């Protein structure tokens, strides 16, 4: 009886290095942007599907949200977010890109990097993070 082992296809060195470089850049950006722990409702839309989520933390460059464990996202998926920061009635509208998605107990935790936020909304987020 012979056992045949299959190897995963080789990833070209340039692509592997590029993916690792991007991962390091995102981690570094996350550390530089001082995330502030928080809790508030977030409406998240990917395509035609809209889901209510809960913010876990926020920074000038992104947000971490928790949502039902049955909902998962592929990295680089673009999402539309709507939320109001605690203590504010102003609705912030932002577009983001999924940078991480993992199980967290009975939920999923998803990291979103902001890719489009109106300047006045960026200022609101920055002021909230400074107070946090």
Protein backbone atom coordinates (compact mmCIF):
# COMPACT_ATOMS: atom_id res chain seq x y z
CA UNK A 1 0.00 0.00 0.00
CA UNK A 2 1.48 3.33 -0.97
CA UNK A 3 0.66 6.64 0.60
CA UNK A 4 0.66 9.58 -1.69
CA UNK A 5 1.33 12.94 -0.15
CA UNK A 6 0.16 16.06 -1.86
CA UNK A 7 1.96 19.31 -1.37
CA UNK A 8 0.29 22.67 -1.36
CA UNK A 9 1.03 24.65 -4.49
CA UNK A 10 4.09 26.82 -4.05
CA UNK A 11 3.43 30.52 -3.56
CA UNK A 12 5.81 32.67 -5.56
CA UNK A 13 8.34 34.32 -3.26
CA UNK A 14 7.31 37.80 -4.34
CA UNK A 15 3.63 37.19 -3.48
CA UNK A 16 4.48 35.66 -0.09
CA UNK A 17 6.76 38.57 0.76
CA UNK A 18 4.13 41.05 -0.39
CA UNK A 19 1.41 39.42 1.76
CA UNK A 20 3.73 39.38 4.79
CA UNK A 21 4.68 43.02 4.19
CA UNK A 22 0.99 44.02 4.00
CA UNK A 23 0.22 42.11 7.22
CA UNK A 24 3.07 43.89 9.04
CA UNK A 25 1.92 47.28 7.72
CA UNK A 26 -1.63 46.67 9.00
CA UNK A 27 -0.35 45.52 12.42
CA UNK A 28 1.90 48.57 12.66
CA UNK A 29 -0.93 50.91 11.65
CA UNK A 30 -3.16 49.31 14.28
CA UNK A 31 -0.58 49.93 17.03
CA UNK A 32 0.07 53.52 15.92
CA UNK A 33 -3.60 54.47 15.88
CA UNK A 34 -4.32 53.74 19.56
CA UNK A 35 -7.59 51.86 19.68
CA UNK A 36 -10.11 52.98 22.27
CA UNK A 37 -12.35 50.32 23.87
CA UNK A 38 -16.02 51.20 23.39
CA UNK A 39 -19.49 49.78 22.86
CA UNK A 40 -22.10 51.10 20.44
CA UNK A 41 -24.31 49.81 17.63
CA UNK A 42 -22.93 49.60 14.09
CA UNK A 43 -24.89 48.90 10.93
CA UNK A 44 -22.69 46.96 8.52
CA UNK A 45 -23.58 46.34 4.88
CA UNK A 46 -21.72 44.03 2.53
CA UNK A 47 -23.42 43.99 -0.84
CA UNK A 48 -27.18 43.86 -0.27
CA UNK A 49 -26.93 42.29 3.19
CA UNK A 50 -27.21 44.62 6.21
CA UNK A 51 -26.34 43.44 9.73
CA UNK A 52 -26.49 45.06 13.14
CA UNK A 53 -23.19 44.67 14.96
CA UNK A 54 -21.53 45.99 18.11
CA UNK A 55 -18.37 48.07 18.19
CA UNK A 56 -15.62 46.69 20.41
CA UNK A 57 -13.00 49.37 19.83
CA UNK A 58 -12.33 52.25 17.46
CA UNK A 59 -9.35 54.24 16.21
CA UNK A 60 -8.84 56.91 13.60
CA UNK A 61 -7.91 54.22 11.09
CA UNK A 62 -10.51 51.54 11.82
CA UNK A 63 -12.91 49.71 14.06
CA UNK A 64 -13.35 46.24 15.54
CA UNK A 65 -16.91 44.91 15.52
CA UNK A 66 -18.56 41.84 17.01
CA UNK A 67 -21.42 40.08 15.26
CA UNK A 68 -23.25 36.78 15.01
CA UNK A 69 -20.89 33.84 14.59
CA UNK A 70 -22.71 32.67 11.45
CA UNK A 71 -21.55 35.77 9.57
CA UNK A 72 -17.97 35.72 8.35
CA UNK A 73 -16.05 37.90 5.92
CA UNK A 74 -13.15 37.28 3.60
CA UNK A 75 -10.19 39.64 3.99
CA UNK A 76 -10.34 42.69 1.71
CA UNK A 77 -14.15 42.56 1.49
CA UNK A 78 -15.49 46.11 1.29
CA UNK A 79 -18.24 47.05 3.75
CA UNK A 80 -20.34 50.14 4.41
CA UNK A 81 -20.66 51.19 8.06
CA UNK A 82 -23.07 53.54 9.82
CA UNK A 83 -22.84 54.44 13.49
CA UNK A 84 -23.09 57.23 16.04
CA UNK A 85 -20.36 57.57 18.64
CA UNK A 86 -21.43 57.54 22.30
CA UNK A 87 -22.50 61.03 23.34
CA UNK A 88 -23.19 62.15 19.76
CA UNK A 89 -26.31 62.22 17.59
CA UNK A 90 -24.33 62.58 14.36
CA UNK A 91 -24.45 59.48 12.16
CA UNK A 92 -21.03 58.59 10.78
CA UNK A 93 -20.96 56.92 7.40
CA UNK A 94 -17.77 55.13 6.38
CA UNK A 95 -16.53 52.57 3.91
CA UNK A 96 -14.09 50.00 5.16
CA UNK A 97 -12.12 46.94 4.21
CA UNK A 98 -12.03 43.75 6.25
CA UNK A 99 -8.53 43.12 7.60
CA UNK A 100 -9.32 40.31 10.06
CA UNK A 101 -12.21 38.01 10.93
CA UNK A 102 -12.11 35.34 13.63
CA UNK A 103 -14.28 33.44 16.08
CA UNK A 104 -14.64 34.98 19.51
CA UNK A 105 -16.72 32.68 21.72
CA UNK A 106 -20.35 32.88 20.65
CA UNK A 107 -19.54 35.73 18.25
CA UNK A 108 -17.16 36.71 15.48
CA UNK A 109 -14.71 39.57 15.79
CA UNK A 110 -14.03 41.53 12.61
CA UNK A 111 -11.38 44.20 12.11
CA UNK A 112 -12.23 46.88 9.58
CA UNK A 113 -9.80 49.45 8.19
CA UNK A 114 -11.51 52.68 7.14
CA UNK A 115 -10.94 53.46 3.45
CA UNK A 116 -13.40 56.36 3.01
CA UNK A 117 -14.63 58.68 5.77
CA UNK A 118 -15.78 62.27 5.32
CA UNK A 119 -13.30 64.73 6.87
CA UNK A 120 -15.80 66.00 9.46
CA UNK A 121 -16.48 62.39 10.51
CA UNK A 122 -12.74 61.71 10.78
CA UNK A 123 -12.56 64.69 13.12
CA UNK A 124 -15.39 63.31 15.27
CA UNK A 125 -13.65 59.93 15.51
CA UNK A 126 -10.30 61.58 16.33
CA UNK A 127 -11.88 63.71 19.08
CA UNK A 128 -13.64 60.65 20.53
CA UNK A 129 -10.37 58.68 20.54
CA UNK A 130 -8.51 61.53 22.28
CA UNK A 131 -11.14 61.58 25.04
CA UNK A 132 -11.07 57.77 25.36
